[in-house]
């Protein structure tokens, strides 16, 4: 299956470079100031289960607070809008932060700086763990230098960097980690369906679903692995019938991971299943904003992360490199884009670029690596032309990585608005590190604020 070389140190060197960069530039990129914490907006909702459980011992949230988005259930109970999946992932670092706060004599309320710092470094840990498993999977199909290039490009050339160092406590970085691990164990399970792999897959799929229910979609990769035709689909179904015990283990572990939330909802609302987002947030499946998701000035994925256009190109030239994963990867990408585009808030609130696609980089990295390998293996007729093309690509990718760093800086400095960018404001700030003269006035007067209430009703342009 592999295409390894004896020099396996280059991709590990890439991981080391990324790790060192995270440690050195963490304070520069993070979106909160000294003395503050990352527990704001969505993150505070994910995190709410931890102080409620370990500090206030009150999951009814009846203690004094004014920071949580609580939804009133039909029986009158107030429950958090978000599920507890992210709280489970925060928990080891929350407990470490609790110990740090205790030792330093800081406030033991879950919100002093020790908690925030520990959870933030936990976010970096999860990102590096995801990249580590992504490297393992890519190394099965690509030469080591291609794996190294891909890792560097995905981290430095996309908004993954911001959603690790800038605001890594949002769900996307964590889901990127889990999906990278899920891909690895999908491969290992199909090589040899050990019970431990079944346990890992069930727990991973359950945790991802608990964090964001639509992430159950990644189960397609397991179900359709090595399926390239209807005949092979029949063979896959027969194989599942012979390995029904492993499938039961996966299902039980999946339910086990979901059970804390289901039990909590049953206790609070009287129902095991409860849509905590409320009745006014929904999908518009008959009106997906696919072009907006991909290209809009507000949040267009390929506008703010143009390097990933090469992953789209890679879909058309990389099937032969990872044939067992290719079909499920393509189907996952298409369905995921459709779901994102159909959500009432297709831009997914604030954040740099199209943040809802960040967790998909574990999959899109394969297409990116496939593109590089395709170019490297072309039968060039002239050595000079081959060298020219390769240097053009190296230059283009380097420019796009720098471009991503510049735009990340612009977002950090407020020059790229979190949800109100327009064509005019985009080109006004393009390539700039500061606004001068009347530019700030023109910038703010030409932003297009989002009407969230109208969007919920279907006016989503």
Protein backbone atom coordinates (compact mmCIF):
# COMPACT_ATOMS: atom_id res chain seq x y z
CA UNK A 1 0.00 0.00 0.00
CA UNK A 2 2.80 2.33 0.85
CA UNK A 3 5.15 4.53 -1.06
CA UNK A 4 7.64 5.17 1.72
CA UNK A 5 11.24 6.18 1.42
CA UNK A 6 14.14 5.46 3.74
CA UNK A 7 14.23 9.12 4.70
CA UNK A 8 11.21 9.33 6.97
CA UNK A 9 12.50 12.25 9.01
CA UNK A 10 11.28 15.06 6.78
CA UNK A 11 7.61 14.76 7.74
CA UNK A 12 8.55 14.50 11.41
CA UNK A 13 10.66 17.60 10.95
CA UNK A 14 7.56 19.32 9.58
CA UNK A 15 5.68 18.36 12.75
CA UNK A 16 8.55 19.68 14.87
CA UNK A 17 8.54 22.98 12.96
CA UNK A 18 4.78 23.33 13.51
CA UNK A 19 5.13 22.47 17.20
CA UNK A 20 7.92 24.98 17.76
CA UNK A 21 5.97 27.63 15.88
CA UNK A 22 2.92 27.01 18.06
CA UNK A 23 4.97 27.41 21.23
CA UNK A 24 6.82 30.51 20.05
CA UNK A 25 3.94 32.39 18.44
CA UNK A 26 1.05 31.24 20.59
CA UNK A 27 0.82 34.50 22.53
CA UNK A 28 1.03 36.55 19.34
CA UNK A 29 -1.90 34.94 17.52
CA UNK A 30 -4.36 34.23 20.31
CA UNK A 31 -7.46 36.37 20.18
CA UNK A 32 -7.64 37.43 23.83
CA UNK A 33 -5.41 39.70 25.86
CA UNK A 34 -3.26 38.97 28.89
CA UNK A 35 -5.41 38.29 31.93
CA UNK A 36 -8.39 37.22 29.82
CA UNK A 37 -9.56 33.74 28.83
CA UNK A 38 -10.92 32.11 25.65
CA UNK A 39 -14.25 31.37 27.35
CA UNK A 40 -16.45 33.63 25.24
CA UNK A 41 -19.24 33.18 22.70
CA UNK A 42 -19.63 29.54 21.53
CA UNK A 43 -16.69 28.32 23.60
CA UNK A 44 -18.33 29.47 26.83
CA UNK A 45 -21.40 27.42 25.96
CA UNK A 46 -19.37 24.27 25.31
CA UNK A 47 -17.39 24.89 28.49
CA UNK A 48 -20.42 25.61 30.70
CA UNK A 49 -20.87 21.95 31.67
CA UNK A 50 -17.50 21.90 33.47
CA UNK A 51 -17.91 24.72 36.03
CA UNK A 52 -21.54 23.64 36.48
CA UNK A 53 -20.44 20.07 37.28
CA UNK A 54 -17.17 20.46 39.17
CA UNK A 55 -17.54 23.86 40.84
CA UNK A 56 -21.24 24.60 41.33
CA UNK A 57 -22.46 20.95 41.31
CA UNK A 58 -25.60 22.18 39.58
CA UNK A 59 -26.40 21.10 36.02
CA UNK A 60 -29.74 22.90 36.20
CA UNK A 61 -27.73 26.14 35.94
CA UNK A 62 -29.80 27.72 38.69
CA UNK A 63 -26.76 29.41 40.22
CA UNK A 64 -26.18 33.12 39.42
CA UNK A 65 -24.70 33.68 35.96
CA UNK A 66 -25.36 35.74 32.86
CA UNK A 67 -23.09 34.19 30.27
CA UNK A 68 -24.83 31.04 29.09
CA UNK A 69 -27.26 30.59 26.19
CA UNK A 70 -29.94 28.46 27.83
CA UNK A 71 -32.91 27.18 25.84
CA UNK A 72 -36.27 26.68 27.53
CA UNK A 73 -37.60 23.15 27.01
CA UNK A 74 -41.36 22.46 26.69
CA UNK A 75 -41.44 21.48 30.38
CA UNK A 76 -39.88 24.82 31.36
CA UNK A 77 -36.40 23.49 32.14
CA UNK A 78 -33.39 25.52 30.95
CA UNK A 79 -30.73 23.51 29.12
CA UNK A 80 -27.52 24.61 27.37
CA UNK A 81 -27.75 25.27 23.67
CA UNK A 82 -24.62 23.21 23.01
CA UNK A 83 -23.97 19.57 23.78
CA UNK A 84 -21.30 18.32 26.18
CA UNK A 85 -18.85 16.82 23.66
CA UNK A 86 -16.42 19.71 23.77
CA UNK A 87 -16.60 19.78 27.58
CA UNK A 88 -15.43 16.16 27.59
CA UNK A 89 -12.40 17.13 25.51
CA UNK A 90 -11.70 20.23 27.60
CA UNK A 91 -12.02 18.28 30.85
CA UNK A 92 -8.43 17.01 31.36
CA UNK A 93 -7.08 20.52 30.84
CA UNK A 94 -9.86 22.09 32.90
CA UNK A 95 -8.87 19.85 35.82
CA UNK A 96 -5.23 20.80 35.29
CA UNK A 97 -6.27 24.46 35.27
CA UNK A 98 -8.19 23.89 38.50
CA UNK A 99 -5.01 22.55 40.09
CA UNK A 100 -2.98 25.49 38.74
CA UNK A 101 -5.54 27.96 40.09
CA UNK A 102 -5.54 26.21 43.49
CA UNK A 103 -1.73 26.21 43.74
CA UNK A 104 -1.46 29.87 42.73
CA UNK A 105 -4.22 31.02 45.06
CA UNK A 106 -6.32 32.17 42.13
CA UNK A 107 -10.12 32.20 42.03
CA UNK A 108 -11.55 28.67 41.76
CA UNK A 109 -14.48 29.63 39.55
CA UNK A 110 -13.44 28.02 36.26
CA UNK A 111 -12.72 31.38 34.67
CA UNK A 112 -9.42 32.62 36.07
CA UNK A 113 -6.37 32.71 33.79
CA UNK A 114 -5.04 29.30 34.85
CA UNK A 115 -8.11 27.59 33.43
CA UNK A 116 -7.93 29.53 30.20
CA UNK A 117 -4.21 28.91 29.66
CA UNK A 118 -4.48 25.18 30.34
CA UNK A 119 -7.47 24.71 28.03
CA UNK A 120 -5.73 26.74 25.32
CA UNK A 121 -2.59 24.62 25.48
CA UNK A 122 -4.92 21.64 25.37
CA UNK A 123 -6.25 22.97 22.06
CA UNK A 124 -2.71 23.08 20.70
CA UNK A 125 -2.11 19.54 21.95
CA UNK A 126 -5.19 18.26 20.10
CA UNK A 127 -4.12 20.02 16.90
CA UNK A 128 -0.66 18.45 17.03
CA UNK A 129 -2.18 15.05 17.82
CA UNK A 130 -4.42 15.39 14.77
CA UNK A 131 -1.47 16.33 12.57
CA UNK A 132 0.49 13.37 13.95
CA UNK A 133 -2.25 10.90 12.98
CA UNK A 134 -2.74 12.65 9.65
CA UNK A 135 0.97 12.15 8.96
CA UNK A 136 0.62 8.44 9.77
CA UNK A 137 -2.26 8.03 7.32
CA UNK A 138 -0.69 10.08 4.53
CA UNK A 139 2.57 8.15 4.88
CA UNK A 140 0.77 4.98 3.80
CA UNK A 141 0.18 6.43 0.34
CA UNK A 142 2.73 9.16 -0.30
CA UNK A 143 6.47 9.69 -0.17
CA UNK A 144 7.71 11.38 2.94
CA UNK A 145 8.58 14.70 1.29
CA UNK A 146 5.01 14.95 -0.06
CA UNK A 147 3.64 14.29 3.43
CA UNK A 148 5.88 17.02 4.83
CA UNK A 149 4.81 19.52 2.17
CA UNK A 150 1.16 18.71 2.81
CA UNK A 151 1.42 19.14 6.58
CA UNK A 152 3.19 22.49 6.24
CA UNK A 153 0.70 23.69 3.62
CA UNK A 154 -2.38 22.66 5.62
CA UNK A 155 -1.20 24.26 8.84
CA UNK A 156 0.38 27.47 7.55
CA UNK A 157 -1.63 27.90 4.36
CA UNK A 158 -5.18 27.55 5.71
CA UNK A 159 -7.36 28.94 8.47
CA UNK A 160 -6.46 25.89 10.57
CA UNK A 161 -3.65 28.07 11.93
CA UNK A 162 -6.12 30.61 13.28
CA UNK A 163 -8.42 27.94 14.66
CA UNK A 164 -5.50 26.45 16.58
CA UNK A 165 -3.62 29.51 17.83
CA UNK A 166 -6.11 32.35 17.45
CA UNK A 167 -9.34 30.76 18.67
CA UNK A 168 -8.50 27.08 18.97
CA UNK A 169 -11.14 26.40 21.59
CA UNK A 170 -13.91 26.36 19.00
CA UNK A 171 -14.95 22.89 17.87
CA UNK A 172 -13.21 22.83 14.48
CA UNK A 173 -9.66 22.15 15.62
CA UNK A 174 -10.88 19.38 17.95
CA UNK A 175 -12.94 17.79 15.19
CA UNK A 176 -9.93 17.97 12.87
CA UNK A 177 -8.02 15.97 15.47
CA UNK A 178 -10.75 13.37 15.93
CA UNK A 179 -11.38 12.95 12.21
CA UNK A 180 -7.64 12.42 11.58
CA UNK A 181 -7.60 9.66 14.19
CA UNK A 182 -10.85 8.20 12.82
CA UNK A 183 -9.32 7.89 9.33
CA UNK A 184 -6.27 6.11 10.71
CA UNK A 185 -8.30 3.54 12.63
CA UNK A 186 -10.66 3.05 9.69
CA UNK A 187 -7.65 1.97 7.67
CA UNK A 188 -6.31 -0.22 10.47
CA UNK A 189 -9.72 -1.86 11.10
CA UNK A 190 -10.05 -2.86 7.46
CA UNK A 191 -6.56 -4.29 7.48
CA UNK A 192 -7.36 -6.32 10.60
CA UNK A 193 -10.68 -5.80 12.43
CA UNK A 194 -9.42 -6.06 15.99
CA UNK A 195 -11.80 -5.45 18.88
CA UNK A 196 -9.72 -2.52 20.12
CA UNK A 197 -10.03 -0.80 16.73
CA UNK A 198 -13.81 -1.31 16.87
CA UNK A 199 -13.87 0.30 20.32
CA UNK A 200 -11.80 3.25 19.14
CA UNK A 201 -13.97 3.82 16.07
CA UNK A 202 -17.22 3.69 18.06
CA UNK A 203 -15.94 6.11 20.69
CA UNK A 204 -14.49 8.50 18.10
CA UNK A 205 -17.67 8.54 16.02
CA UNK A 206 -19.77 9.03 19.15
CA UNK A 207 -17.61 11.88 20.43
CA UNK A 208 -17.64 13.67 17.08
CA UNK A 209 -21.41 13.31 16.88
CA UNK A 210 -21.73 14.55 20.44
CA UNK A 211 -19.70 17.64 19.57
CA UNK A 212 -21.63 18.34 16.39
CA UNK A 213 -24.40 15.95 15.31
CA UNK A 214 -23.77 16.42 11.58
CA UNK A 215 -20.26 14.98 12.08
CA UNK A 216 -21.85 11.53 12.07
CA UNK A 217 -21.37 11.95 8.33
CA UNK A 218 -17.74 10.85 8.74
CA UNK A 219 -19.12 7.36 9.33
CA UNK A 220 -19.45 7.18 5.53
CA UNK A 221 -15.69 6.81 5.32
CA UNK A 222 -15.85 3.64 7.41
CA UNK A 223 -18.95 2.28 5.69
CA UNK A 224 -17.72 2.90 2.13
CA UNK A 225 -14.03 2.16 2.57
CA UNK A 226 -12.83 0.16 -0.47
CA UNK A 227 -16.16 0.58 -2.24
CA UNK A 228 -15.73 1.73 -5.84
CA UNK A 229 -18.72 0.05 -7.49
CA UNK A 230 -22.09 -1.47 -6.67
CA UNK A 231 -20.54 -4.93 -6.87
CA UNK A 232 -17.99 -3.98 -4.22
CA UNK A 233 -20.78 -2.43 -2.15
CA UNK A 234 -22.48 -5.84 -2.06
CA UNK A 235 -19.20 -7.44 -1.04
CA UNK A 236 -18.80 -4.83 1.69
CA UNK A 237 -22.26 -5.59 3.06
CA UNK A 238 -21.47 -9.31 3.11
CA UNK A 239 -18.22 -8.58 4.91
CA UNK A 240 -20.13 -6.59 7.54
CA UNK A 241 -22.46 -9.57 8.04
CA UNK A 242 -19.49 -11.80 8.81
CA UNK A 243 -18.09 -9.25 11.25
CA UNK A 244 -21.33 -8.41 13.01
CA UNK A 245 -19.75 -8.71 16.44
CA UNK A 246 -17.31 -5.90 15.67
CA UNK A 247 -20.15 -3.75 14.32
CA UNK A 248 -22.13 -4.30 17.53
CA UNK A 249 -19.08 -3.20 19.53
CA UNK A 250 -18.79 -0.05 17.39
CA UNK A 251 -22.49 0.66 17.89
CA UNK A 252 -22.37 0.11 21.65
CA UNK A 253 -19.33 2.36 22.04
CA UNK A 254 -21.05 4.98 19.88
CA UNK A 255 -24.11 4.92 22.16
CA UNK A 256 -21.90 4.89 25.26
CA UNK A 257 -20.26 8.11 24.19
CA UNK A 258 -23.64 9.74 23.51
CA UNK A 259 -25.20 8.48 26.75
CA UNK A 260 -24.17 11.34 29.10
CA UNK A 261 -26.00 13.85 26.90
CA UNK A 262 -29.03 11.61 26.36
CA UNK A 263 -29.35 10.93 30.08
CA UNK A 264 -28.97 14.63 30.86
CA UNK A 265 -31.66 15.58 28.33
CA UNK A 266 -33.95 12.88 29.73
CA UNK A 267 -33.46 14.20 33.25
CA UNK A 268 -33.96 17.84 32.28
CA UNK A 269 -36.58 17.69 29.51
CA UNK A 270 -38.19 14.27 29.88
CA UNK A 271 -36.90 13.15 26.46
CA UNK A 272 -33.72 11.35 25.49
CA UNK A 273 -33.53 13.38 22.26
CA UNK A 274 -33.88 17.13 22.33
CA UNK A 275 -32.98 19.72 19.68
CA UNK A 276 -31.29 22.26 21.92
CA UNK A 277 -30.78 24.87 19.21
CA UNK A 278 -34.44 25.82 19.32
CA UNK A 279 -37.16 25.83 16.68
CA UNK A 280 -35.90 28.90 14.81
CA UNK A 281 -32.55 27.42 13.71
CA UNK A 282 -32.77 24.92 10.89
CA UNK A 283 -31.58 23.73 7.50
CA UNK A 284 -32.90 25.08 4.20
CA UNK A 285 -32.21 22.01 2.08
CA UNK A 286 -34.05 23.44 -0.93
CA UNK A 287 -31.91 26.59 -0.93
CA UNK A 288 -28.23 25.71 -0.33
CA UNK A 289 -25.85 28.68 -0.62
CA UNK A 290 -23.02 26.66 -2.13
CA UNK A 291 -21.49 29.49 -4.18
CA UNK A 292 -21.57 31.74 -1.12
CA UNK A 293 -19.83 29.09 0.98
CA UNK A 294 -17.10 28.69 -1.63
CA UNK A 295 -16.58 32.18 -3.05
CA UNK A 296 -18.45 34.95 -1.23
CA UNK A 297 -16.65 38.01 0.11
CA UNK A 298 -18.42 37.49 3.42
CA UNK A 299 -16.85 34.11 4.19
CA UNK A 300 -15.99 32.30 0.95
CA UNK A 301 -13.77 29.31 1.69
CA UNK A 302 -11.64 29.54 -1.45
CA UNK A 303 -11.42 33.34 -1.25
CA UNK A 304 -9.96 33.31 2.25
CA UNK A 305 -8.14 29.96 1.92
CA UNK A 306 -7.16 29.86 -1.78
CA UNK A 307 -4.44 27.25 -1.32
CA UNK A 308 -7.16 24.64 -0.82
CA UNK A 309 -8.21 25.12 -4.45
CA UNK A 310 -5.40 22.66 -5.16
CA UNK A 311 -7.22 20.06 -3.08
CA UNK A 312 -10.23 20.49 -5.37
CA UNK A 313 -7.97 19.98 -8.37
CA UNK A 314 -6.53 16.96 -6.59
CA UNK A 315 -9.94 15.29 -6.59
CA UNK A 316 -9.62 14.89 -10.35
CA UNK A 317 -6.13 13.40 -10.43
CA UNK A 318 -5.53 11.44 -7.23
CA UNK A 319 -7.96 8.51 -7.28
CA UNK A 320 -5.24 6.00 -8.10
CA UNK A 321 -3.15 6.95 -5.07
CA UNK A 322 -5.67 6.04 -2.36
CA UNK A 323 -8.45 4.15 -4.22
CA UNK A 324 -9.99 2.59 -1.11
CA UNK A 325 -10.58 6.01 0.45
CA UNK A 326 -11.26 8.07 -2.65
CA UNK A 327 -15.00 7.49 -3.12
CA UNK A 328 -15.95 7.96 0.56
CA UNK A 329 -13.78 11.08 0.75
CA UNK A 330 -15.43 12.65 -2.30
CA UNK A 331 -18.93 11.77 -1.10
CA UNK A 332 -18.16 13.14 2.36
CA UNK A 333 -16.91 16.42 0.90
CA UNK A 334 -19.92 16.90 -1.41
CA UNK A 335 -22.51 16.08 1.27
CA UNK A 336 -20.69 18.15 3.89
CA UNK A 337 -20.60 21.23 1.64
CA UNK A 338 -24.31 20.77 0.97
CA UNK A 339 -25.09 20.58 4.69
CA UNK A 340 -22.99 23.64 5.47
CA UNK A 341 -24.60 25.60 2.64
CA UNK A 342 -28.09 24.55 3.74
CA UNK A 343 -27.75 25.68 7.35
CA UNK A 344 -29.64 28.91 8.06
CA UNK A 345 -26.35 30.57 9.06
CA UNK A 346 -24.18 29.28 6.23
CA UNK A 347 -21.33 31.65 7.25
CA UNK A 348 -21.37 30.12 10.76
CA UNK A 349 -21.19 33.37 12.68
CA UNK A 350 -17.90 35.02 13.46
CA UNK A 351 -14.47 33.68 12.62
CA UNK A 352 -11.79 33.78 9.96
CA UNK A 353 -12.92 32.33 6.65
CA UNK A 354 -15.23 29.35 6.34
CA UNK A 355 -14.58 27.76 9.71
CA UNK A 356 -17.09 24.93 9.23
CA UNK A 357 -14.74 23.29 6.68
CA UNK A 358 -11.65 23.28 8.93
CA UNK A 359 -12.37 19.81 10.35
CA UNK A 360 -12.50 18.49 6.78
CA UNK A 361 -8.81 19.29 6.24
CA UNK A 362 -7.98 15.81 7.52
CA UNK A 363 -9.70 14.53 4.36
CA UNK A 364 -8.83 17.33 1.95
CA UNK A 365 -5.14 16.85 2.80
CA UNK A 366 -5.21 13.60 0.85
CA UNK A 367 -6.36 15.41 -2.29
CA UNK A 368 -3.71 18.07 -1.70
CA UNK A 369 -1.01 15.41 -1.41
CA UNK A 370 -2.47 13.64 -4.43
CA UNK A 371 -2.09 16.78 -6.50
CA UNK A 372 1.58 17.11 -5.51
CA UNK A 373 2.25 13.47 -6.33
CA UNK A 374 0.48 13.76 -9.66
CA UNK A 375 2.64 16.70 -10.68
CA UNK A 376 5.78 14.95 -9.46
CA UNK A 377 5.03 11.80 -11.48
CA UNK A 378 4.08 13.42 -14.79
CA UNK A 379 6.14 12.24 -17.74
CA UNK A 380 7.62 15.53 -18.77
CA UNK A 381 9.07 15.75 -22.27
CA UNK A 382 11.65 18.36 -21.44
CA UNK A 383 13.68 18.65 -18.27
CA UNK A 384 13.65 22.44 -18.46
CA UNK A 385 9.84 22.53 -18.63
CA UNK A 386 9.56 20.07 -15.73
CA UNK A 387 11.83 22.25 -13.57
CA UNK A 388 9.92 25.38 -14.59
CA UNK A 389 6.54 23.90 -13.61
CA UNK A 390 7.81 22.62 -10.26
CA UNK A 391 9.35 25.95 -9.35
CA UNK A 392 6.15 27.74 -10.38
CA UNK A 393 4.18 25.50 -8.02
CA UNK A 394 6.65 25.95 -5.19
CA UNK A 395 6.47 29.71 -5.66
CA UNK A 396 2.67 29.70 -5.89
CA UNK A 397 2.25 27.66 -2.72
CA UNK A 398 4.78 29.81 -0.86
CA UNK A 399 2.92 32.96 -1.92
CA UNK A 400 -0.42 31.46 -0.83
CA UNK A 401 1.02 30.48 2.56
CA UNK A 402 2.26 34.06 3.01
CA UNK A 403 -1.11 35.31 1.82
CA UNK A 404 -2.84 33.23 4.49
CA UNK A 405 -0.53 34.59 7.18
CA UNK A 406 -1.23 38.15 6.03
CA UNK A 407 -5.00 37.62 6.03
CA UNK A 408 -4.83 35.93 9.43
CA UNK A 409 -3.00 39.02 10.69
CA UNK A 410 -5.63 41.26 9.11
CA UNK A 411 -8.39 39.32 10.83
CA UNK A 412 -6.57 39.49 14.15
CA UNK A 413 -6.24 43.26 13.77
CA UNK A 414 -9.89 43.71 12.79
CA UNK A 415 -9.18 44.58 9.15
CA UNK A 416 -11.14 41.54 7.99
CA UNK A 417 -14.53 41.71 9.65
CA UNK A 418 -15.82 38.58 11.35
CA UNK A 419 -19.06 38.39 9.33
CA UNK A 420 -19.66 41.62 7.40
CA UNK A 421 -17.09 41.74 4.59
CA UNK A 422 -18.10 43.00 1.15
CA UNK A 423 -16.34 43.20 -2.20
CA UNK A 424 -15.47 46.84 -1.51
CA UNK A 425 -14.02 46.27 1.97
CA UNK A 426 -12.13 43.15 0.87
CA UNK A 427 -10.23 45.01 -1.85
CA UNK A 428 -9.84 48.09 0.33
CA UNK A 429 -7.78 46.12 2.86
CA UNK A 430 -6.18 43.70 0.39
CA UNK A 431 -2.48 43.32 1.11
CA UNK A 432 -2.46 46.10 3.72
CA UNK A 433 -1.13 45.95 7.26
CA UNK A 434 -2.92 49.09 8.40
CA UNK A 435 -5.57 51.56 7.22
CA UNK A 436 -4.70 55.22 6.86
CA UNK A 437 -6.45 58.50 6.22
CA UNK A 438 -10.13 58.07 5.46
CA UNK A 439 -9.77 54.33 4.84
CA UNK A 440 -11.13 53.30 8.27
CA UNK A 441 -14.25 55.41 7.67
CA UNK A 442 -14.76 53.94 4.22
CA UNK A 443 -14.16 50.46 5.62
CA UNK A 444 -16.79 50.66 8.35
CA UNK A 445 -19.35 52.42 6.17
CA UNK A 446 -19.15 49.72 3.49
CA UNK A 447 -19.46 46.65 5.67
CA UNK A 448 -22.69 44.70 5.29
CA UNK A 449 -23.99 43.62 8.72
CA UNK A 450 -25.82 40.31 8.88
CA UNK A 451 -29.49 40.31 9.83
CA UNK A 452 -29.56 37.08 11.80
CA UNK A 453 -33.29 37.16 12.44
CA UNK A 454 -34.10 37.43 8.73
CA UNK A 455 -31.58 34.67 8.00
CA UNK A 456 -33.48 32.35 10.32
CA UNK A 457 -36.56 33.00 8.21
CA UNK A 458 -34.73 32.14 5.00
CA UNK A 459 -33.33 35.51 3.83
CA UNK A 460 -29.75 34.28 3.89
CA UNK A 461 -27.94 36.27 1.19
